[in-house]
Amino acid sequence: MPNDPHLREPGGVDRYLPWSEDVPETCRLTKARADVAEALPDEPVVDADELEAALGDS
């Protein structure tokens, strides 16, 4: 990523953020999923099974 010429453009890093239209749908962070994740305890290690169970099909 450090050598990506798009990063030199204003807003260039935006294409790599989870809500970017350039990110595949399966990787995109929706508002519903963000709200659920925000409600989870803020711990340094997240139990992936717990996270997936909480997010469900959101």
N, C-alpha and C. Protein backbone atom coordinates (compact mmCIF):
# COMPACT_ATOMS: atom_id res chain seq x y z
N MET A 1 0.80 -1.20 0.00
CA MET A 1 0.00 0.00 0.00
C MET A 1 0.84 1.27 0.00
N PRO A 2 1.99 1.32 0.64
CA PRO A 2 2.72 2.58 0.68
C PRO A 2 3.09 3.11 -0.69
N ASN A 3 3.21 2.25 -1.68
CA ASN A 3 3.59 2.68 -3.01
C ASN A 3 2.41 2.89 -3.96
N ASP A 4 1.22 2.75 -3.47
CA ASP A 4 0.03 2.92 -4.31
C ASP A 4 -0.11 4.39 -4.69
N PRO A 5 -0.07 4.71 -5.98
CA PRO A 5 -0.16 6.12 -6.39
C PRO A 5 -1.49 6.77 -6.02
N HIS A 6 -2.53 5.96 -5.83
CA HIS A 6 -3.83 6.53 -5.45
C HIS A 6 -3.79 7.19 -4.07
N LEU A 7 -2.85 6.76 -3.23
CA LEU A 7 -2.78 7.32 -1.88
C LEU A 7 -2.27 8.76 -1.89
N ARG A 8 -1.66 9.16 -2.97
CA ARG A 8 -1.17 10.54 -3.08
C ARG A 8 -2.28 11.51 -3.48
N GLU A 9 -3.39 10.96 -3.95
CA GLU A 9 -4.53 11.78 -4.36
C GLU A 9 -5.37 12.13 -3.12
N PRO A 10 -6.00 13.30 -3.12
CA PRO A 10 -6.90 13.62 -2.00
C PRO A 10 -8.01 12.56 -1.92
N GLY A 11 -8.19 12.03 -0.74
CA GLY A 11 -9.22 11.00 -0.53
C GLY A 11 -8.83 9.64 -1.08
N GLY A 12 -7.59 9.48 -1.51
CA GLY A 12 -7.15 8.23 -2.11
C GLY A 12 -7.26 7.03 -1.20
N VAL A 13 -7.07 7.22 0.08
CA VAL A 13 -7.15 6.11 1.02
C VAL A 13 -8.60 5.65 1.21
N ASP A 14 -9.55 6.49 0.86
CA ASP A 14 -10.96 6.16 1.05
C ASP A 14 -11.36 4.87 0.33
N ARG A 15 -10.71 4.55 -0.78
CA ARG A 15 -11.08 3.36 -1.53
C ARG A 15 -10.78 2.08 -0.76
N TYR A 16 -9.98 2.17 0.30
CA TYR A 16 -9.62 0.99 1.09
C TYR A 16 -10.46 0.85 2.37
N LEU A 17 -11.30 1.80 2.66
CA LEU A 17 -12.10 1.78 3.88
C LEU A 17 -13.30 0.85 3.71
N PRO A 18 -13.78 0.24 4.80
CA PRO A 18 -14.83 -0.78 4.70
C PRO A 18 -16.13 -0.33 4.04
N TRP A 19 -16.43 0.94 4.05
CA TRP A 19 -17.69 1.42 3.47
C TRP A 19 -17.52 1.92 2.04
N SER A 20 -16.34 1.79 1.49
CA SER A 20 -16.07 2.24 0.13
C SER A 20 -16.85 1.41 -0.89
N GLU A 21 -17.31 2.06 -1.94
CA GLU A 21 -17.99 1.36 -3.03
C GLU A 21 -17.02 0.46 -3.79
N ASP A 22 -15.71 0.69 -3.66
CA ASP A 22 -14.70 -0.13 -4.33
C ASP A 22 -14.45 -1.45 -3.62
N VAL A 23 -14.87 -1.55 -2.37
CA VAL A 23 -14.66 -2.76 -1.59
C VAL A 23 -15.76 -3.77 -1.95
N PRO A 24 -15.42 -5.05 -2.13
CA PRO A 24 -16.45 -6.05 -2.43
C PRO A 24 -17.54 -6.05 -1.36
N GLU A 25 -18.75 -6.36 -1.78
CA GLU A 25 -19.91 -6.37 -0.88
C GLU A 25 -19.67 -7.20 0.38
N THR A 26 -18.99 -8.33 0.23
CA THR A 26 -18.75 -9.22 1.38
C THR A 26 -17.81 -8.61 2.41
N CYS A 27 -17.06 -7.60 2.02
CA CYS A 27 -16.12 -6.96 2.94
C CYS A 27 -16.63 -5.61 3.43
N ARG A 28 -17.70 -5.12 2.85
CA ARG A 28 -18.19 -3.79 3.17
C ARG A 28 -18.86 -3.77 4.55
N LEU A 29 -18.65 -2.70 5.27
CA LEU A 29 -19.24 -2.52 6.58
C LEU A 29 -20.54 -1.74 6.43
N THR A 30 -21.65 -2.40 6.71
CA THR A 30 -22.95 -1.73 6.62
C THR A 30 -23.24 -1.01 7.93
N LYS A 31 -24.17 -0.10 7.90
CA LYS A 31 -24.55 0.64 9.10
C LYS A 31 -25.06 -0.32 10.17
N ALA A 32 -25.86 -1.29 9.78
CA ALA A 32 -26.42 -2.25 10.75
C ALA A 32 -25.31 -3.06 11.42
N ARG A 33 -24.35 -3.53 10.63
CA ARG A 33 -23.25 -4.31 11.19
C ARG A 33 -22.35 -3.45 12.06
N ALA A 34 -22.16 -2.20 11.68
CA ALA A 34 -21.34 -1.28 12.48
C ALA A 34 -22.01 -1.02 13.83
N ASP A 35 -23.33 -0.85 13.83
CA ASP A 35 -24.05 -0.61 15.07
C ASP A 35 -23.94 -1.80 16.02
N VAL A 36 -24.06 -3.01 15.48
CA VAL A 36 -23.95 -4.21 16.30
C VAL A 36 -22.53 -4.34 16.85
N ALA A 37 -21.54 -4.15 16.00
CA ALA A 37 -20.15 -4.27 16.44
C ALA A 37 -19.82 -3.22 17.49
N GLU A 38 -20.38 -2.03 17.34
CA GLU A 38 -20.12 -0.95 18.30
C GLU A 38 -20.66 -1.30 19.69
N ALA A 39 -21.74 -2.07 19.73
CA ALA A 39 -22.36 -2.43 21.01
C ALA A 39 -21.60 -3.55 21.73
N LEU A 40 -20.70 -4.24 21.04
CA LEU A 40 -19.93 -5.30 21.67
C LEU A 40 -18.91 -4.70 22.63
N PRO A 41 -18.49 -5.47 23.64
CA PRO A 41 -17.49 -4.96 24.57
C PRO A 41 -16.20 -4.57 23.84
N ASP A 42 -15.60 -3.51 24.29
CA ASP A 42 -14.36 -3.03 23.67
C ASP A 42 -13.19 -3.74 24.34
N GLU A 43 -12.81 -4.87 23.76
CA GLU A 43 -11.71 -5.66 24.29
C GLU A 43 -10.66 -5.82 23.20
N PRO A 44 -9.41 -6.01 23.56
CA PRO A 44 -8.36 -6.12 22.55
C PRO A 44 -8.49 -7.36 21.67
N VAL A 45 -9.09 -8.43 22.18
CA VAL A 45 -9.26 -9.65 21.40
C VAL A 45 -10.75 -9.92 21.28
N VAL A 46 -11.20 -10.07 20.05
CA VAL A 46 -12.62 -10.34 19.82
C VAL A 46 -12.78 -11.81 19.46
N ASP A 47 -13.71 -12.46 20.11
CA ASP A 47 -14.03 -13.84 19.79
C ASP A 47 -14.79 -13.83 18.46
N ALA A 48 -14.19 -14.36 17.42
CA ALA A 48 -14.78 -14.33 16.09
C ALA A 48 -16.14 -15.00 16.07
N ASP A 49 -16.31 -16.09 16.80
CA ASP A 49 -17.60 -16.77 16.84
C ASP A 49 -18.67 -15.89 17.48
N GLU A 50 -18.31 -15.19 18.55
CA GLU A 50 -19.24 -14.29 19.22
C GLU A 50 -19.63 -13.14 18.30
N LEU A 51 -18.66 -12.61 17.58
CA LEU A 51 -18.91 -11.50 16.66
C LEU A 51 -19.85 -11.95 15.55
N GLU A 52 -19.58 -13.08 14.93
CA GLU A 52 -20.42 -13.58 13.85
C GLU A 52 -21.84 -13.88 14.36
N ALA A 53 -21.95 -14.43 15.57
CA ALA A 53 -23.26 -14.71 16.13
C ALA A 53 -24.03 -13.42 16.37
N ALA A 54 -23.35 -12.39 16.85
CA ALA A 54 -24.00 -11.11 17.11
C ALA A 54 -24.42 -10.42 15.81
N LEU A 55 -23.57 -10.52 14.79
CA LEU A 55 -23.87 -9.86 13.52
C LEU A 55 -24.94 -10.61 12.74
N GLY A 56 -24.99 -11.91 12.87
CA GLY A 56 -26.00 -12.71 12.17
C GLY A 56 -26.02 -12.40 10.69
N ASP A 57 -27.19 -12.20 10.17
CA ASP A 57 -27.36 -11.92 8.74
C ASP A 57 -27.55 -10.45 8.47
N SER A 58 -27.15 -9.59 9.36
CA SER A 58 -27.34 -8.14 9.20
C SER A 58 -26.70 -7.65 7.93
